[in-house]
Protein backbone atom coordinates (compact mmCIF):
# COMPACT_ATOMS: atom_id res chain seq x y z
CA MET A 1 125.12 140.90 147.39
CA ALA A 2 123.65 138.61 150.31
CA PRO A 3 120.00 137.42 149.71
CA MET A 4 117.54 139.11 151.57
CA LYS A 5 116.26 137.93 154.89
CA ARG A 6 112.58 137.00 154.40
CA PRO A 7 110.51 139.40 156.59
CA ALA A 8 109.23 137.91 160.15
CA ALA A 9 105.28 137.31 159.82
CA PHE A 10 103.55 139.66 161.52
CA GLU A 11 100.45 138.26 163.67
CA HIS A 12 97.71 141.05 163.78
CA HIS A 13 95.64 141.47 166.65
CA ASP A 14 92.86 143.32 166.74
CA PRO A 15 92.06 144.15 169.81
CA ILE A 16 87.87 143.42 169.18
CA GLU A 17 88.05 140.81 167.33
CA ASP A 18 89.56 139.61 169.97
CA SER A 19 87.54 140.66 172.63
CA HIS A 20 83.69 139.14 173.25
CA SER A 21 80.77 142.22 173.32
CA LEU A 22 78.18 141.83 176.36
CA THR A 23 74.85 140.61 174.81
CA HIS A 24 77.76 138.20 172.93
CA LEU A 25 78.24 136.61 176.28
CA ALA A 26 74.95 137.06 177.30
CA HIS A 27 74.42 134.92 174.46
CA ARG A 28 76.59 132.82 174.78
CA TRP A 29 75.65 131.73 178.68
CA HIS A 30 72.62 131.82 179.11
CA VAL A 31 71.91 135.16 181.10
CA SER A 32 70.94 138.53 180.84
CA ARG A 33 73.47 141.86 179.47
CA ARG A 34 72.92 142.93 184.10
CA LYS A 35 74.51 139.62 185.05
CA ILE A 36 77.09 139.95 182.91
CA ARG A 37 77.87 144.33 183.95
CA ALA A 38 77.91 142.58 187.84
CA LEU A 39 80.20 140.36 186.62
CA LEU A 40 82.26 143.67 185.37
CA LYS A 41 81.46 145.44 188.00
CA SER A 42 81.85 143.10 191.27
CA GLY A 43 86.00 142.06 189.08
CA LYS A 44 84.85 139.17 188.36
CA LEU A 45 84.50 139.99 184.43
CA PRO A 46 87.91 142.15 183.46
CA PHE A 47 87.11 143.94 180.57
CA VAL A 48 88.36 146.60 178.22
CA ASP A 49 86.55 149.98 176.90
CA LEU A 50 87.17 150.74 173.11
CA GLU A 51 85.58 152.96 171.88
CA GLY A 52 83.36 153.75 174.52
CA GLN A 53 82.07 149.78 173.69
CA LEU A 54 82.69 147.40 176.36
CA ARG A 55 84.77 144.02 175.45
CA VAL A 56 86.08 140.86 177.57
CA PRO A 57 89.13 140.17 176.09
CA ASP A 58 89.07 135.90 175.06
CA PRO A 59 92.04 134.62 177.27
CA ALA A 60 89.34 136.00 180.25
CA VAL A 61 86.77 134.45 178.63
CA LYS A 62 87.79 131.10 178.55
CA GLU A 63 89.68 131.32 182.13
CA PHE A 64 86.75 132.44 183.88
CA GLU A 65 84.44 130.11 182.10
CA ARG A 66 87.20 127.12 182.87
CA GLY A 67 86.20 128.11 186.68
CA TRP A 68 82.85 127.96 185.60
CA GLN A 69 83.37 124.84 184.37
CA ARG A 70 85.73 123.30 187.83
CA VAL A 71 82.75 124.02 190.34
CA ASN A 72 80.08 122.30 188.35
CA GLY A 73 81.96 119.53 187.72
CA GLY A 74 82.19 119.87 184.00
């Protein structure tokens, strides 16, 4: 009997851990939660609703920050 192959590595994906709260982003960017909500409402920053919590996926945060750095010469 041939030996069993090892199972494929399971990549854990937790949508809460892979996203940011509005409060976290407000602190990170030194703006108010109201400003973060305005970005969500305008569609400039995508978000998901996870069990009643508005969260911004990490890739969206990184993309937004890259765009901000280009605009501000960073």
